[in-house]
Amino acid sequence: MSREESDDPTFAELLESVRRCRLCAEFLPLGPRPVVQLDPRATILIAGQAPGRRVHESGVPFDDPSGERLREWLGISREQFYDATKVAILPMGFCYPGTGKSGDLPPRPECEKAWRRQLLQHLPQIELTLVIGQYAQKWHLPRTQRNLTETVRAWQDYAPGIFPLPHPSPRNNIWLKKNPWFAKSVLPALCKATQAAIEPA
């Protein structure tokens, strides 16, 4: 699906090591299947939470209703989204963590400790980072507000290079209805920033 090509052998070896990772296999209900999309030429970074069950099954990031909504938010096609030379997708946890009482469990911490900083060092062209959900926001943002809603509301404090976002999951439909300012103020700016980063002049 994605075009992940690189002339950097060090990066290729690192990515292969990530795909073979079994660090937290004993904690994963469906076993390890790291799902990332990376290429050193990418100009947009999507930092999310962790793959859901459907993504675990397909091995394709955001291959679910969340992905459809996210592409709508960004104003880009499926082809652009899955072009690794344009869009890097690096969740906080690379494997499906399982489900708890109120949805999917938090991302496993092993990915961040073992791989995250190494991988980010191989993404020198990133112009725009989309930080989805509280776990990614706490890691990527220099500071967060008292909760996710207030962090997203303060999006201009992080612009132009970073956009904190709620998760595009259908489970967040109630949040979106309660916060109409998101669609009115944030999404137009997000689309504009995405177009500028994905199709540089």
Protein backbone atom coordinates (compact mmCIF):
# COMPACT_ATOMS: atom_id res chain seq x y z
CA MET A 1 0.00 0.00 0.00
CA SER A 2 2.63 2.55 1.03
CA ARG A 3 5.83 3.35 -0.79
CA GLU A 4 8.59 2.97 1.80
CA GLU A 5 11.83 3.43 -0.10
CA SER A 6 15.10 4.84 1.16
CA ASP A 7 18.72 5.04 0.09
CA ASP A 8 19.75 5.08 3.77
CA PRO A 9 20.86 1.55 4.77
CA THR A 10 20.95 2.50 8.46
CA PHE A 11 17.31 3.54 8.32
CA ALA A 12 16.34 0.42 6.39
CA GLU A 13 18.03 -1.77 9.02
CA LEU A 14 16.33 0.13 11.84
CA LEU A 15 12.92 -0.20 10.22
CA GLU A 16 13.47 -3.93 9.71
CA SER A 17 14.39 -4.26 13.39
CA VAL A 18 11.18 -2.48 14.34
CA ARG A 19 9.12 -4.83 12.19
CA ARG A 20 10.74 -7.82 13.90
CA CYS A 21 10.31 -6.39 17.40
CA ARG A 22 8.97 -8.80 20.04
CA LEU A 23 9.77 -6.78 23.17
CA CYS A 24 6.27 -6.94 24.67
CA ALA A 25 4.93 -10.06 22.94
CA GLU A 26 3.80 -11.60 26.24
CA PHE A 27 1.47 -8.65 26.91
CA LEU A 28 -0.23 -8.50 23.51
CA PRO A 29 -3.48 -10.49 23.19
CA LEU A 30 -3.09 -10.98 19.42
CA GLY A 31 0.69 -11.09 19.39
CA PRO A 32 3.12 -8.52 17.96
CA ARG A 33 2.54 -6.91 14.59
CA PRO A 34 4.22 -3.48 14.50
CA VAL A 35 2.37 -1.10 12.19
CA VAL A 36 4.25 2.03 11.10
CA GLN A 37 4.76 3.96 7.86
CA LEU A 38 8.11 5.71 7.54
CA ASP A 39 10.44 7.21 4.99
CA PRO A 40 13.16 9.86 5.57
CA ARG A 41 11.61 12.01 2.80
CA ALA A 42 8.27 12.44 4.58
CA THR A 43 7.22 16.01 5.34
CA ILE A 44 4.21 15.20 7.56
CA LEU A 45 4.33 13.14 10.75
CA ILE A 46 1.19 11.62 12.26
CA ALA A 47 1.80 10.66 15.88
CA GLY A 48 -1.16 8.66 17.16
CA GLN A 49 -1.95 6.24 19.95
CA ALA A 50 -1.72 2.57 18.87
CA PRO A 51 -3.24 0.39 16.15
CA GLY A 52 -6.77 -0.90 16.69
CA ARG A 53 -7.84 -4.47 16.09
CA ARG A 54 -8.78 -3.87 12.45
CA VAL A 55 -5.43 -2.25 11.72
CA HIS A 56 -3.68 -5.15 13.41
CA GLU A 57 -5.47 -7.52 11.06
CA SER A 58 -4.69 -5.57 7.87
CA GLY A 59 -1.25 -4.25 8.82
CA VAL A 60 -2.20 -0.90 7.26
CA PRO A 61 -2.21 2.17 9.56
CA PHE A 62 -5.56 3.95 9.93
CA ASP A 63 -7.25 1.36 7.73
CA ASP A 64 -10.56 1.92 9.50
CA PRO A 65 -13.28 4.58 9.99
CA SER A 66 -10.82 6.65 12.05
CA GLY A 67 -8.55 6.83 9.03
CA GLU A 68 -11.38 7.89 6.74
CA ARG A 69 -12.24 10.75 9.07
CA LEU A 70 -8.60 11.73 9.51
CA ARG A 71 -8.08 11.96 5.74
CA GLU A 72 -11.20 14.13 5.60
CA TRP A 73 -9.78 16.40 8.26
CA LEU A 74 -6.50 16.71 6.36
CA GLY A 75 -8.13 17.18 2.96
CA ILE A 76 -5.91 14.60 1.26
CA SER A 77 -6.54 11.48 -0.78
CA ARG A 78 -5.98 7.90 0.33
CA GLU A 79 -3.12 7.69 -2.19
CA GLN A 80 -1.39 10.74 -0.68
CA PHE A 81 -1.99 9.47 2.85
CA TYR A 82 -0.33 6.12 2.14
CA ASP A 83 2.64 7.59 0.29
CA ALA A 84 5.39 7.14 2.89
CA THR A 85 7.57 9.71 1.11
CA LYS A 86 4.95 12.31 2.05
CA VAL A 87 3.33 11.06 5.27
CA ALA A 88 5.05 9.25 8.14
CA ILE A 89 2.80 7.45 10.62
CA LEU A 90 4.41 6.67 13.97
CA PRO A 91 2.03 5.80 16.81
CA MET A 92 3.10 5.78 20.45
CA GLY A 93 2.59 2.03 20.50
CA PHE A 94 3.25 0.08 17.32
CA CYS A 95 1.09 -2.97 18.11
CA TYR A 96 -2.54 -3.50 19.08
CA PRO A 97 -2.55 -3.39 22.92
CA GLY A 98 -5.89 -5.11 23.50
CA THR A 99 -9.22 -3.85 24.77
CA GLY A 100 -10.24 -2.72 28.24
CA LYS A 101 -13.55 -1.72 29.81
CA SER A 102 -13.80 1.62 28.00
CA GLY A 103 -12.05 0.90 24.71
CA ASP A 104 -8.56 -0.02 23.59
CA LEU A 105 -5.88 -0.18 26.27
CA PRO A 106 -3.14 2.50 26.41
CA PRO A 107 -0.14 2.14 24.08
CA ARG A 108 2.56 -0.14 25.43
CA PRO A 109 5.54 1.90 26.75
CA GLU A 110 8.21 -0.35 25.24
CA CYS A 111 8.00 1.25 21.77
CA GLU A 112 8.77 4.72 23.06
CA LYS A 113 11.72 3.53 25.12
CA ALA A 114 13.26 1.28 22.47
CA TRP A 115 12.52 2.91 19.13
CA ARG A 116 10.87 6.32 19.07
CA ARG A 117 13.80 8.72 19.31
CA GLN A 118 15.90 6.62 16.93
CA LEU A 119 13.17 6.65 14.30
CA LEU A 120 12.48 10.37 14.61
CA GLN A 121 16.17 11.11 13.99
CA HIS A 122 15.68 9.60 10.53
CA LEU A 123 12.82 11.98 9.65
CA PRO A 124 14.71 15.23 8.99
CA GLN A 125 12.22 16.67 6.48
CA ILE A 126 9.17 16.86 8.77
CA GLU A 127 7.42 20.22 8.47
CA LEU A 128 4.10 19.39 10.12
CA THR A 129 3.41 17.08 13.07
CA LEU A 130 -0.14 15.99 13.92
CA VAL A 131 -0.34 14.83 17.53
CA ILE A 132 -3.41 12.68 18.12
CA GLY A 133 -4.66 11.90 21.62
CA GLN A 134 -3.35 12.52 25.10
CA TYR A 135 -0.51 9.98 25.12
CA ALA A 136 1.09 11.40 21.98
CA GLN A 137 0.47 14.96 23.13
CA LYS A 138 2.20 14.43 26.46
CA TRP A 139 5.24 13.05 24.65
CA HIS A 140 5.49 15.45 21.70
CA LEU A 141 4.29 18.80 23.02
CA PRO A 142 6.52 21.09 25.07
CA ARG A 143 3.53 21.58 27.37
CA THR A 144 -0.10 20.49 27.53
CA GLN A 145 -3.18 22.09 29.04
CA ARG A 146 -5.27 20.60 31.85
CA ASN A 147 -7.00 18.14 29.52
CA LEU A 148 -7.15 17.10 25.87
CA THR A 149 -9.98 19.50 25.01
CA GLU A 150 -8.06 22.50 26.32
CA THR A 151 -4.88 21.36 24.59
CA VAL A 152 -6.68 21.12 21.25
CA ARG A 153 -8.41 24.46 21.90
CA ALA A 154 -4.97 26.03 22.37
CA TRP A 155 -3.80 24.76 18.96
CA GLN A 156 -2.48 28.17 17.91
CA ASP A 157 0.05 28.00 20.75
CA TYR A 158 1.72 25.09 18.94
CA ALA A 159 1.27 26.28 15.34
CA PRO A 160 2.43 26.36 12.64
CA GLY A 161 4.47 23.17 12.89
CA ILE A 162 2.35 21.14 15.33
CA PHE A 163 -1.38 20.47 15.57
CA PRO A 164 -2.79 18.68 18.65
CA LEU A 165 -5.90 16.74 17.65
CA PRO A 166 -8.56 14.56 19.23
CA HIS A 167 -8.74 11.00 18.02
CA PRO A 168 -10.79 10.76 14.79
CA SER A 169 -12.52 7.61 16.05
CA PRO A 170 -16.34 7.41 15.75
CA ARG A 171 -16.23 7.03 19.55
CA ASN A 172 -15.44 10.75 19.63
CA ASN A 173 -18.64 11.81 17.84
CA ILE A 174 -20.05 13.19 21.09
CA TRP A 175 -16.89 15.23 21.67
CA LEU A 176 -17.10 16.67 18.17
CA LYS A 177 -20.74 17.68 18.69
CA LYS A 178 -19.91 19.31 22.02
CA ASN A 179 -17.00 21.24 20.52
CA PRO A 180 -18.17 22.77 17.22
CA TRP A 181 -15.27 25.25 17.34
CA PHE A 182 -12.97 22.38 16.29
CA ALA A 183 -14.56 22.02 12.85
CA LYS A 184 -15.00 25.76 12.46
CA SER A 185 -11.56 26.97 13.53
CA VAL A 186 -9.07 24.12 13.64
CA LEU A 187 -9.90 22.04 10.57
CA PRO A 188 -9.58 24.84 7.98
CA ALA A 189 -6.15 25.75 9.38
CA LEU A 190 -5.18 22.07 9.51
CA CYS A 191 -6.14 21.54 5.85
CA LYS A 192 -4.15 24.58 4.80
CA ALA A 193 -1.07 23.47 6.73
CA THR A 194 -1.36 19.94 5.36
CA GLN A 195 -1.55 21.11 1.76
CA ALA A 196 1.48 23.35 2.25
CA ALA A 197 3.51 20.48 3.72
CA ILE A 198 2.45 17.75 1.30
CA GLU A 199 2.80 19.83 -1.86
CA PRO A 200 5.63 22.31 -1.14
CA ALA A 201 5.99 25.20 -3.56
